[in-house]
Amino acid sequence: MNDEATIPFTLILHAGNSHSLSMEAVRLAKQKEFEQASAKFDEAQEELNNAHKVQTDILFSDQKNGDNNKYPIDLLMVHAQDHITMATVCLDLCREICDLYQSK
């Protein structure tokens, strides 16, 4: 697999990990395991941060290199960006759900 294909899969990996960890945190909160849920949220945020770092590297690389070396935007990259967006929304909503469980 070439480097151009590796980047979107890296984004999908980190976003997917974040999504899974967020959902796991909700399951833990539902069982009143709030400290463990908080730790899962920390892990989920770290995974999302890793995805954003890759994303930022692409943006700055494109800006620094000008039109000559732009990263190609293809369907796979668009799909990867969707995963990041969904993981971000999932993390935010799962935190809210956990807050509701904790306030009971």
PDB file of N, CA and C in Angstrom:
ATOM      1  N   MET A   1       0.845  -1.172   0.000  1.00  0.00           N
ATOM      2  CA  MET A   1       0.000   0.000   0.000  1.00  0.00           C
ATOM      3  C   MET A   1       0.896   1.242   0.000  1.00  0.00           C
ATOM      4  N   ASN A   2       0.581   2.205  -0.845  1.00  0.00           N
ATOM      5  CA  ASN A   2       1.406   3.403  -0.905  1.00  0.00           C
ATOM      6  C   ASN A   2       1.043   4.367   0.221  1.00  0.00           C
ATOM      7  N   ASP A   3       1.888   5.392   0.411  1.00  0.00           N
ATOM      8  CA  ASP A   3       1.683   6.348   1.497  1.00  0.00           C
ATOM      9  C   ASP A   3       0.378   7.113   1.364  1.00  0.00           C
ATOM     10  N   GLU A   4      -0.027   7.407   0.133  1.00  0.00           N
ATOM     11  CA  GLU A   4      -1.270   8.149  -0.064  1.00  0.00           C
ATOM     12  C   GLU A   4      -2.472   7.355   0.420  1.00  0.00           C
ATOM     13  N   ALA A   5      -2.441   6.051   0.305  1.00  0.00           N
ATOM     14  CA  ALA A   5      -3.543   5.215   0.791  1.00  0.00           C
ATOM     15  C   ALA A   5      -3.437   4.977   2.291  1.00  0.00           C
ATOM     16  N   THR A   6      -2.242   5.008   2.828  1.00  0.00           N
ATOM     17  CA  THR A   6      -2.042   4.766   4.250  1.00  0.00           C
ATOM     18  C   THR A   6      -2.655   5.870   5.098  1.00  0.00           C
ATOM     19  N   ILE A   7      -2.574   7.095   4.639  1.00  0.00           N
ATOM     20  CA  ILE A   7      -3.057   8.232   5.431  1.00  0.00           C
ATOM     21  C   ILE A   7      -4.558   8.137   5.720  1.00  0.00           C
ATOM     22  N   PRO A   8      -5.415   7.937   4.717  1.00  0.00           N
ATOM     23  CA  PRO A   8      -6.841   7.826   5.053  1.00  0.00           C
ATOM     24  C   PRO A   8      -7.143   6.653   5.984  1.00  0.00           C
ATOM     25  N   PHE A   9      -6.447   5.538   5.791  1.00  0.00           N
ATOM     26  CA  PHE A   9      -6.687   4.399   6.671  1.00  0.00           C
ATOM     27  C   PHE A   9      -6.223   4.689   8.093  1.00  0.00           C
ATOM     28  N   THR A  10      -5.179   5.475   8.247  1.00  0.00           N
ATOM     29  CA  THR A  10      -4.725   5.897   9.575  1.00  0.00           C
ATOM     30  C   THR A  10      -5.789   6.772  10.234  1.00  0.00           C
ATOM     31  N   LEU A  11      -6.368   7.688   9.465  1.00  0.00           N
ATOM     32  CA  LEU A  11      -7.441   8.536   9.987  1.00  0.00           C
ATOM     33  C   LEU A  11      -8.642   7.694  10.415  1.00  0.00           C
ATOM     34  N   ILE A  12      -9.018   6.745   9.580  1.00  0.00           N
ATOM     35  CA  ILE A  12     -10.154   5.871   9.883  1.00  0.00           C
ATOM     36  C   ILE A  12      -9.871   5.042  11.135  1.00  0.00           C
ATOM     37  N   LEU A  13      -8.663   4.541  11.261  1.00  0.00           N
ATOM     38  CA  LEU A  13      -8.278   3.751  12.434  1.00  0.00           C
ATOM     39  C   LEU A  13      -8.457   4.549  13.717  1.00  0.00           C
ATOM     40  N   HIS A  14      -7.865   5.749  13.771  1.00  0.00           N
ATOM     41  CA  HIS A  14      -7.945   6.562  14.988  1.00  0.00           C
ATOM     42  C   HIS A  14      -9.367   7.006  15.274  1.00  0.00           C
ATOM     43  N   ALA A  15     -10.105   7.402  14.237  1.00  0.00           N
ATOM     44  CA  ALA A  15     -11.494   7.817  14.432  1.00  0.00           C
ATOM     45  C   ALA A  15     -12.344   6.642  14.918  1.00  0.00           C
ATOM     46  N   GLY A  16     -12.127   5.478  14.337  1.00  0.00           N
ATOM     47  CA  GLY A  16     -12.869   4.290  14.768  1.00  0.00           C
ATOM     48  C   GLY A  16     -12.565   3.899  16.201  1.00  0.00           C
ATOM     49  N   ASN A  17     -11.300   3.998  16.569  1.00  0.00           N
ATOM     50  CA  ASN A  17     -10.924   3.718  17.957  1.00  0.00           C
ATOM     51  C   ASN A  17     -11.614   4.691  18.910  1.00  0.00           C
ATOM     52  N   SER A  18     -11.627   5.968  18.548  1.00  0.00           N
ATOM     53  CA  SER A  18     -12.270   6.979  19.374  1.00  0.00           C
ATOM     54  C   SER A  18     -13.761   6.682  19.532  1.00  0.00           C
ATOM     55  N   HIS A  19     -14.398   6.351  18.435  1.00  0.00           N
ATOM     56  CA  HIS A  19     -15.826   6.031  18.468  1.00  0.00           C
ATOM     57  C   HIS A  19     -16.093   4.841  19.387  1.00  0.00           C
ATOM     58  N   SER A  20     -15.330   3.786  19.239  1.00  0.00           N
ATOM     59  CA  SER A  20     -15.520   2.583  20.064  1.00  0.00           C
ATOM     60  C   SER A  20     -15.289   2.862  21.542  1.00  0.00           C
ATOM     61  N   LEU A  21     -14.257   3.627  21.842  1.00  0.00           N
ATOM     62  CA  LEU A  21     -13.962   3.964  23.240  1.00  0.00           C
ATOM     63  C   LEU A  21     -15.059   4.836  23.843  1.00  0.00           C
ATOM     64  N   SER A  22     -15.611   5.732  23.051  1.00  0.00           N
ATOM     65  CA  SER A  22     -16.711   6.576  23.530  1.00  0.00           C
ATOM     66  C   SER A  22     -17.933   5.734  23.878  1.00  0.00           C
ATOM     67  N   MET A  23     -18.252   4.800  23.010  1.00  0.00           N
ATOM     68  CA  MET A  23     -19.393   3.922  23.263  1.00  0.00           C
ATOM     69  C   MET A  23     -19.144   3.029  24.481  1.00  0.00           C
ATOM     70  N   GLU A  24     -17.910   2.595  24.642  1.00  0.00           N
ATOM     71  CA  GLU A  24     -17.561   1.786  25.810  1.00  0.00           C
ATOM     72  C   GLU A  24     -17.730   2.603  27.094  1.00  0.00           C
ATOM     73  N   ALA A  25     -17.387   3.877  27.032  1.00  0.00           N
ATOM     74  CA  ALA A  25     -17.556   4.750  28.192  1.00  0.00           C
ATOM     75  C   ALA A  25     -19.023   4.852  28.593  1.00  0.00           C
ATOM     76  N   VAL A  26     -19.918   4.928  27.627  1.00  0.00           N
ATOM     77  CA  VAL A  26     -21.352   4.973  27.936  1.00  0.00           C
ATOM     78  C   VAL A  26     -21.792   3.685  28.622  1.00  0.00           C
ATOM     79  N   ARG A  27     -21.325   2.553  28.114  1.00  0.00           N
ATOM     80  CA  ARG A  27     -21.688   1.271  28.746  1.00  0.00           C
ATOM     81  C   ARG A  27     -21.194   1.230  30.198  1.00  0.00           C
ATOM     82  N   LEU A  28     -20.000   1.759  30.434  1.00  0.00           N
ATOM     83  CA  LEU A  28     -19.474   1.793  31.800  1.00  0.00           C
ATOM     84  C   LEU A  28     -20.282   2.741  32.682  1.00  0.00           C
ATOM     85  N   ALA A  29     -20.649   3.887  32.155  1.00  0.00           N
ATOM     86  CA  ALA A  29     -21.450   4.844  32.934  1.00  0.00           C
ATOM     87  C   ALA A  29     -22.818   4.249  33.273  1.00  0.00           C
ATOM     88  N   LYS A  30     -23.364   3.512  32.344  1.00  0.00           N
ATOM     89  CA  LYS A  30     -24.658   2.862  32.568  1.00  0.00           C
ATOM     90  C   LYS A  30     -24.572   1.892  33.744  1.00  0.00           C
ATOM     91  N   GLN A  31     -23.388   1.316  33.954  1.00  0.00           N
ATOM     92  CA  GLN A  31     -23.146   0.395  35.065  1.00  0.00           C
ATOM     93  C   GLN A  31     -22.624   1.125  36.307  1.00  0.00           C
ATOM     94  N   LYS A  32     -22.671   2.470  36.260  1.00  0.00           N
ATOM     95  CA  LYS A  32     -22.229   3.329  37.375  1.00  0.00           C
ATOM     96  C   LYS A  32     -20.716   3.259  37.619  1.00  0.00           C
ATOM     97  N   GLU A  33     -19.965   2.911  36.587  1.00  0.00           N
ATOM     98  CA  GLU A  33     -18.497   2.854  36.658  1.00  0.00           C
ATOM     99  C   GLU A  33     -17.940   4.161  36.083  1.00  0.00           C
ATOM    100  N   PHE A  34     -18.162   5.259  36.780  1.00  0.00           N
ATOM    101  CA  PHE A  34     -17.877   6.585  36.239  1.00  0.00           C
ATOM    102  C   PHE A  34     -16.383   6.893  36.091  1.00  0.00           C
ATOM    103  N   GLU A  35     -15.578   6.394  37.006  1.00  0.00           N
ATOM    104  CA  GLU A  35     -14.126   6.624  36.877  1.00  0.00           C
ATOM    105  C   GLU A  35     -13.565   5.898  35.660  1.00  0.00           C
ATOM    106  N   GLN A  36     -14.005   4.675  35.456  1.00  0.00           N
ATOM    107  CA  GLN A  36     -13.558   3.924  34.279  1.00  0.00           C
ATOM    108  C   GLN A  36     -14.079   4.572  32.998  1.00  0.00           C
ATOM    109  N   ALA A  37     -15.310   5.069  33.040  1.00  0.00           N
ATOM    110  CA  ALA A  37     -15.867   5.760  31.873  1.00  0.00           C
ATOM    111  C   ALA A  37     -15.034   6.998  31.548  1.00  0.00           C
ATOM    112  N   SER A  38     -14.654   7.726  32.562  1.00  0.00           N
ATOM    113  CA  SER A  38     -13.826   8.919  32.352  1.00  0.00           C
ATOM    114  C   SER A  38     -12.490   8.562  31.712  1.00  0.00           C
ATOM    115  N   ALA A  39     -11.904   7.460  32.153  1.00  0.00           N
ATOM    116  CA  ALA A  39     -10.634   7.008  31.564  1.00  0.00           C
ATOM    117  C   ALA A  39     -10.824   6.640  30.096  1.00  0.00           C
ATOM    118  N   LYS A  40     -11.956   6.024  29.764  1.00  0.00           N
ATOM    119  CA  LYS A  40     -12.237   5.682  28.356  1.00  0.00           C
ATOM    120  C   LYS A  40     -12.394   6.952  27.522  1.00  0.00           C
ATOM    121  N   PHE A  41     -13.023   7.974  28.092  1.00  0.00           N
ATOM    122  CA  PHE A  41     -13.148   9.237  27.373  1.00  0.00           C
ATOM    123  C   PHE A  41     -11.780   9.872  27.121  1.00  0.00           C
ATOM    124  N   ASP A  42     -10.888   9.751  28.089  1.00  0.00           N
ATOM    125  CA  ASP A  42      -9.529  10.268  27.892  1.00  0.00           C
ATOM    126  C   ASP A  42      -8.847   9.542  26.731  1.00  0.00           C
ATOM    127  N   GLU A  43      -9.010   8.229  26.681  1.00  0.00           N
ATOM    128  CA  GLU A  43      -8.443   7.446  25.582  1.00  0.00           C
ATOM    129  C   GLU A  43      -9.091   7.831  24.249  1.00  0.00           C
ATOM    130  N   ALA A  44     -10.401   8.012  24.263  1.00  0.00           N
ATOM    131  CA  ALA A  44     -11.119   8.391  23.047  1.00  0.00           C
ATOM    132  C   ALA A  44     -10.637   9.743  22.536  1.00  0.00           C
ATOM    133  N   GLN A  45     -10.432  10.680  23.456  1.00  0.00           N
ATOM    134  CA  GLN A  45      -9.953  12.007  23.063  1.00  0.00           C
ATOM    135  C   GLN A  45      -8.543  11.921  22.489  1.00  0.00           C
ATOM    136  N   GLU A  46      -7.710  11.073  23.081  1.00  0.00           N
ATOM    137  CA  GLU A  46      -6.344  10.899  22.580  1.00  0.00           C
ATOM    138  C   GLU A  46      -6.355  10.336  21.154  1.00  0.00           C
ATOM    139  N   GLU A  47      -7.220   9.371  20.901  1.00  0.00           N
ATOM    140  CA  GLU A  47      -7.332   8.821  19.548  1.00  0.00           C
ATOM    141  C   GLU A  47      -7.796   9.896  18.561  1.00  0.00           C
ATOM    142  N   LEU A  48      -8.753  10.706  18.979  1.00  0.00           N
ATOM    143  CA  LEU A  48      -9.226  11.786  18.116  1.00  0.00           C
ATOM    144  C   LEU A  48      -8.118  12.813  17.891  1.00  0.00           C
ATOM    145  N   ASN A  49      -7.344  13.090  18.924  1.00  0.00           N
ATOM    146  CA  ASN A  49      -6.193  13.998  18.778  1.00  0.00           C
ATOM    147  C   ASN A  49      -5.188  13.438  17.770  1.00  0.00           C
ATOM    148  N   ASN A  50      -4.969  12.134  17.794  1.00  0.00           N
ATOM    149  CA  ASN A  50      -4.053  11.507  16.836  1.00  0.00           C
ATOM    150  C   ASN A  50      -4.565  11.689  15.406  1.00  0.00           C
ATOM    151  N   ALA A  51      -5.858  11.515  15.206  1.00  0.00           N
ATOM    152  CA  ALA A  51      -6.443  11.721  13.880  1.00  0.00           C
ATOM    153  C   ALA A  51      -6.288  13.169  13.448  1.00  0.00           C
ATOM    154  N   HIS A  52      -6.545  14.091  14.356  1.00  0.00           N
ATOM    155  CA  HIS A  52      -6.423  15.515  14.024  1.00  0.00           C
ATOM    156  C   HIS A  52      -4.984  15.899  13.706  1.00  0.00           C
ATOM    157  N   LYS A  53      -4.030  15.248  14.372  1.00  0.00           N
ATOM    158  CA  LYS A  53      -2.620  15.544  14.080  1.00  0.00           C
ATOM    159  C   LYS A  53      -2.285  15.157  12.639  1.00  0.00           C
ATOM    160  N   VAL A  54      -2.725  13.985  12.220  1.00  0.00           N
ATOM    161  CA  VAL A  54      -2.499  13.550  10.837  1.00  0.00           C
ATOM    162  C   VAL A  54      -3.184  14.517   9.877  1.00  0.00           C
ATOM    163  N   GLN A  55      -4.404  14.875  10.204  1.00  0.00           N
ATOM    164  CA  GLN A  55      -5.167  15.810   9.376  1.00  0.00           C
ATOM    165  C   GLN A  55      -4.445  17.156   9.261  1.00  0.00           C
ATOM    166  N   THR A  56      -3.949  17.659  10.371  1.00  0.00           N
ATOM    167  CA  THR A  56      -3.235  18.941  10.385  1.00  0.00           C
ATOM    168  C   THR A  56      -1.946  18.853   9.592  1.00  0.00           C
ATOM    169  N   ASP A  57      -1.243  17.742   9.717  1.00  0.00           N
ATOM    170  CA  ASP A  57      -0.007  17.555   8.941  1.00  0.00           C
ATOM    171  C   ASP A  57      -0.288  17.643   7.442  1.00  0.00           C
ATOM    172  N   ILE A  58      -1.396  17.068   7.006  1.00  0.00           N
ATOM    173  CA  ILE A  58      -1.762  17.129   5.588  1.00  0.00           C
ATOM    174  C   ILE A  58      -2.038  18.571   5.181  1.00  0.00           C
ATOM    175  N   LEU A  59      -2.794  19.280   6.003  1.00  0.00           N
ATOM    176  CA  LEU A  59      -3.137  20.667   5.679  1.00  0.00           C
ATOM    177  C   LEU A  59      -1.902  21.550   5.590  1.00  0.00           C
ATOM    178  N   PHE A  60      -1.006  21.425   6.554  1.00  0.00           N
ATOM    179  CA  PHE A  60       0.199  22.247   6.540  1.00  0.00           C
ATOM    180  C   PHE A  60       1.149  21.843   5.415  1.00  0.00           C
ATOM    181  N   SER A  61       1.191  20.559   5.106  1.00  0.00           N
ATOM    182  CA  SER A  61       2.027  20.087   4.007  1.00  0.00           C
ATOM    183  C   SER A  61       1.543  20.677   2.688  1.00  0.00           C
ATOM    184  N   ASP A  62       0.247  20.677   2.482  1.00  0.00           N
ATOM    185  CA  ASP A  62      -0.316  21.269   1.271  1.00  0.00           C
ATOM    186  C   ASP A  62      -0.010  22.753   1.187  1.00  0.00           C
ATOM    187  N   GLN A  63      -0.139  23.440   2.295  1.00  0.00           N
ATOM    188  CA  GLN A  63       0.103  24.882   2.305  1.00  0.00           C
ATOM    189  C   GLN A  63       1.575  25.191   2.050  1.00  0.00           C
ATOM    190  N   LYS A  64       2.456  24.428   2.659  1.00  0.00           N
ATOM    191  CA  LYS A  64       3.896  24.662   2.529  1.00  0.00           C
ATOM    192  C   LYS A  64       4.393  24.333   1.124  1.00  0.00           C
ATOM    193  N   ASN A  65       3.865  23.280   0.537  1.00  0.00           N
ATOM    194  CA  ASN A  65       4.357  22.821  -0.755  1.00  0.00           C
ATOM    195  C   ASN A  65       3.705  23.517  -1.948  1.00  0.00           C
ATOM    196  N   GLY A  66       2.657  24.266  -1.708  1.00  0.00           N
ATOM    197  CA  GLY A  66       1.996  24.956  -2.812  1.00  0.00           C
ATOM    198  C   GLY A  66       1.236  23.989  -3.693  1.00  0.00           C
ATOM    199  N   ASP A  67       0.924  24.429  -4.897  1.00  0.00           N
ATOM    200  CA  ASP A  67       0.105  23.631  -5.820  1.00  0.00           C
ATOM    201  C   ASP A  67       0.832  22.404  -6.357  1.00  0.00           C
ATOM    202  N   ASN A  68       2.142  22.371  -6.263  1.00  0.00           N
ATOM    203  CA  ASN A  68       2.910  21.276  -6.861  1.00  0.00           C
ATOM    204  C   ASN A  68       2.695  19.935  -6.169  1.00  0.00           C
ATOM    205  N   ASN A  69       2.548  19.944  -4.863  1.00  0.00           N
ATOM    206  CA  ASN A  69       2.490  18.681  -4.112  1.00  0.00           C
ATOM    207  C   ASN A  69       1.245  18.580  -3.241  1.00  0.00           C
ATOM    208  N   LYS A  70       0.110  18.947  -3.745  1.00  0.00           N
ATOM    209  CA  LYS A  70      -1.129  18.849  -2.968  1.00  0.00           C
ATOM    210  C   LYS A  70      -1.480  17.386  -2.730  1.00  0.00           C
ATOM    211  N   TYR A  71      -1.988  17.117  -1.539  1.00  0.00           N
ATOM    212  CA  TYR A  71      -2.438  15.768  -1.241  1.00  0.00           C
ATOM    213  C   TYR A  71      -3.706  15.508  -2.042  1.00  0.00           C
ATOM    214  N   PRO A  72      -3.816  14.377  -2.716  1.00  0.00           N
ATOM    215  CA  PRO A  72      -5.008  14.120  -3.536  1.00  0.00           C
ATOM    216  C   PRO A  72      -6.239  13.872  -2.666  1.00  0.00           C
ATOM    217  N   ILE A  73      -7.313  14.543  -2.999  1.00  0.00           N
ATOM    218  CA  ILE A  73      -8.574  14.332  -2.304  1.00  0.00           C
ATOM    219  C   ILE A  73      -9.396  13.365  -3.155  1.00  0.00           C
ATOM    220  N   ASP A  74      -9.520  12.149  -2.657  1.00  0.00           N
ATOM    221  CA  ASP A  74     -10.287  11.134  -3.369  1.00  0.00           C
ATOM    222  C   ASP A  74     -11.400  10.627  -2.462  1.00  0.00           C
ATOM    223  N   LEU A  75     -12.148   9.678  -2.946  1.00  0.00           N
ATOM    224  CA  LEU A  75     -13.281   9.161  -2.189  1.00  0.00           C
ATOM    225  C   LEU A  75     -12.845   8.564  -0.849  1.00  0.00           C
ATOM    226  N   LEU A  76     -11.707   7.917  -0.820  1.00  0.00           N
ATOM    227  CA  LEU A  76     -11.218   7.325   0.422  1.00  0.00           C
ATOM    228  C   LEU A  76     -10.911   8.402   1.462  1.00  0.00           C
ATOM    229  N   MET A  77     -10.318   9.508   1.030  1.00  0.00           N
ATOM    230  CA  MET A  77     -10.022  10.597   1.970  1.00  0.00           C
ATOM    231  C   MET A  77     -11.316  11.248   2.466  1.00  0.00           C
ATOM    232  N   VAL A  78     -12.282  11.408   1.598  1.00  0.00           N
ATOM    233  CA  VAL A  78     -13.573  11.964   2.018  1.00  0.00           C
ATOM    234  C   VAL A  78     -14.218  11.034   3.045  1.00  0.00           C
ATOM    235  N   HIS A  79     -14.144   9.744   2.798  1.00  0.00           N
ATOM    236  CA  HIS A  79     -14.669   8.750   3.732  1.00  0.00           C
ATOM    237  C   HIS A  79     -13.961   8.860   5.088  1.00  0.00           C
ATOM    238  N   ALA A  80     -12.656   9.018   5.069  1.00  0.00           N
ATOM    239  CA  ALA A  80     -11.886   9.156   6.306  1.00  0.00           C
ATOM    240  C   ALA A  80     -12.312  10.407   7.071  1.00  0.00           C
ATOM    241  N   GLN A  81     -12.536  11.498   6.355  1.00  0.00           N
ATOM    242  CA  GLN A  81     -12.969  12.734   7.001  1.00  0.00           C
ATOM    243  C   GLN A  81     -14.340  12.554   7.646  1.00  0.00           C
ATOM    244  N   ASP A  82     -15.205  11.788   6.996  1.00  0.00           N
ATOM    245  CA  ASP A  82     -16.512  11.493   7.583  1.00  0.00           C
ATOM    246  C   ASP A  82     -16.356  10.734   8.903  1.00  0.00           C
ATOM    247  N   HIS A  83     -15.421   9.810   8.937  1.00  0.00           N
ATOM    248  CA  HIS A  83     -15.181   9.058  10.174  1.00  0.00           C
ATOM    249  C   HIS A  83     -14.733   9.982  11.299  1.00  0.00           C
ATOM    250  N   ILE A  84     -13.889  10.933  10.994  1.00  0.00           N
ATOM    251  CA  ILE A  84     -13.434  11.880  12.018  1.00  0.00           C
ATOM    252  C   ILE A  84     -14.609  12.709  12.530  1.00  0.00           C
ATOM    253  N   THR A  85     -15.434  13.182  11.609  1.00  0.00           N
ATOM    254  CA  THR A  85     -16.597  13.977  12.012  1.00  0.00           C
ATOM    255  C   THR A  85     -17.525  13.166  12.907  1.00  0.00           C
ATOM    256  N   MET A  86     -17.807  11.939  12.501  1.00  0.00           N
ATOM    257  CA  MET A  86     -18.705  11.101  13.291  1.00  0.00           C
ATOM    258  C   MET A  86     -18.108  10.755  14.660  1.00  0.00           C
ATOM    259  N   ALA A  87     -16.822  10.530  14.717  1.00  0.00           N
ATOM    260  CA  ALA A  87     -16.176  10.236  16.001  1.00  0.00           C
ATOM    261  C   ALA A  87     -16.241  11.447  16.925  1.00  0.00           C
ATOM    262  N   THR A  88     -16.103  12.628  16.361  1.00  0.00           N
ATOM    263  CA  THR A  88     -16.180  13.851  17.160  1.00  0.00           C
ATOM    264  C   THR A  88     -17.577  14.030  17.735  1.00  0.00           C
ATOM    265  N   VAL A  89     -18.581  13.841  16.899  1.00  0.00           N
ATOM    266  CA  VAL A  89     -19.969  13.955  17.356  1.00  0.00           C
ATOM    267  C   VAL A  89     -20.271  12.881  18.393  1.00  0.00           C
ATOM    268  N   CYS A  90     -19.808  11.674  18.132  1.00  0.00           N
ATOM    269  CA  CYS A  90     -20.042  10.563  19.063  1.00  0.00           C
ATOM    270  C   CYS A  90     -19.426  10.868  20.428  1.00  0.00           C
ATOM    271  N   LEU A  91     -18.212  11.351  20.445  1.00  0.00           N
ATOM    272  CA  LEU A  91     -17.532  11.670  21.708  1.00  0.00           C
ATOM    273  C   LEU A  91     -18.326  12.717  22.485  1.00  0.00           C
ATOM    274  N   ASP A  92     -18.745  13.766  21.804  1.00  0.00           N
ATOM    275  CA  ASP A  92     -19.505  14.829  22.473  1.00  0.00           C
ATOM    276  C   ASP A  92     -20.831  14.306  23.032  1.00  0.00           C
ATOM    277  N   LEU A  93     -21.560  13.565  22.223  1.00  0.00           N
ATOM    278  CA  LEU A  93     -22.848  13.046  22.676  1.00  0.00           C
ATOM    279  C   LEU A  93     -22.697  12.017  23.802  1.00  0.00           C
ATOM    280  N   CYS A  94     -21.695  11.171  23.694  1.00  0.00           N
ATOM    281  CA  CYS A  94     -21.478  10.166  24.738  1.00  0.00           C
ATOM    282  C   CYS A  94     -21.111  10.821  26.069  1.00  0.00           C
ATOM    283  N   ARG A  95     -20.360  11.897  26.021  1.00  0.00           N
ATOM    284  CA  ARG A  95     -20.060  12.630  27.267  1.00  0.00           C
ATOM    285  C   ARG A  95     -21.342  13.159  27.892  1.00  0.00           C
ATOM    286  N   GLU A  96     -22.221  13.694  27.069  1.00  0.00           N
ATOM    287  CA  GLU A  96     -23.504  14.195  27.576  1.00  0.00           C
ATOM    288  C   GLU A  96     -24.337  13.069  28.174  1.00  0.00           C
ATOM    289  N   ILE A  97     -24.376  11.936  27.510  1.00  0.00           N
ATOM    290  CA  ILE A  97     -25.137  10.792  28.017  1.00  0.00           C
ATOM    291  C   ILE A  97     -24.570  10.341  29.358  1.00  0.00           C
ATOM    292  N   CYS A  98     -23.259  10.297  29.472  1.00  0.00           N
ATOM    293  CA  CYS A  98     -22.638   9.889  30.733  1.00  0.00           C
ATOM    294  C   CYS A  98     -22.950  10.882  31.848  1.00  0.00           C
ATOM    295  N   ASP A  99     -22.981  12.159  31.503  1.00  0.00           N
ATOM    296  CA  ASP A  99     -23.359  13.168  32.502  1.00  0.00           C
ATOM    297  C   ASP A  99     -24.783  12.931  32.987  1.00  0.00           C
ATOM    298  N   LEU A 100     -25.669  12.534  32.100  1.00  0.00           N
ATOM    299  CA  LEU A 100     -27.043  12.238  32.501  1.00  0.00           C
ATOM    300  C   LEU A 100     -27.087  11.028  33.434  1.00  0.00           C
ATOM    301  N   TYR A 101     -26.326   9.986  33.106  1.00  0.00           N
ATOM    302  CA  TYR A 101     -26.280   8.810  33.992  1.00  0.00           C
ATOM    303  C   TYR A 101     -25.730   9.194  35.370  1.00  0.00           C
ATOM    304  N   GLN A 102     -24.737  10.057  35.375  1.00  0.00           N
ATOM    305  CA  GLN A 102     -24.089  10.422  36.628  1.00  0.00           C
ATOM    306  C   GLN A 102     -24.999  11.321  37.481  1.00  0.00           C
ATOM    307  N   SER A 103     -25.854  12.081  36.841  1.00  0.00           N
ATOM    308  CA  SER A 103     -26.715  12.993  37.605  1.00  0.00           C
ATOM    309  C   SER A 103     -27.936  12.298  38.205  1.00  0.00           C
ATOM    310  N   LYS A 104     -28.140  11.041  37.856  1.00  0.00           N
ATOM    311  CA  LYS A 104     -29.291  10.293  38.423  1.00  0.00           C
ATOM    312  C   LYS A 104     -29.067   9.959  39.875  1.00  0.00           C
TER     313      LYS A 104
END
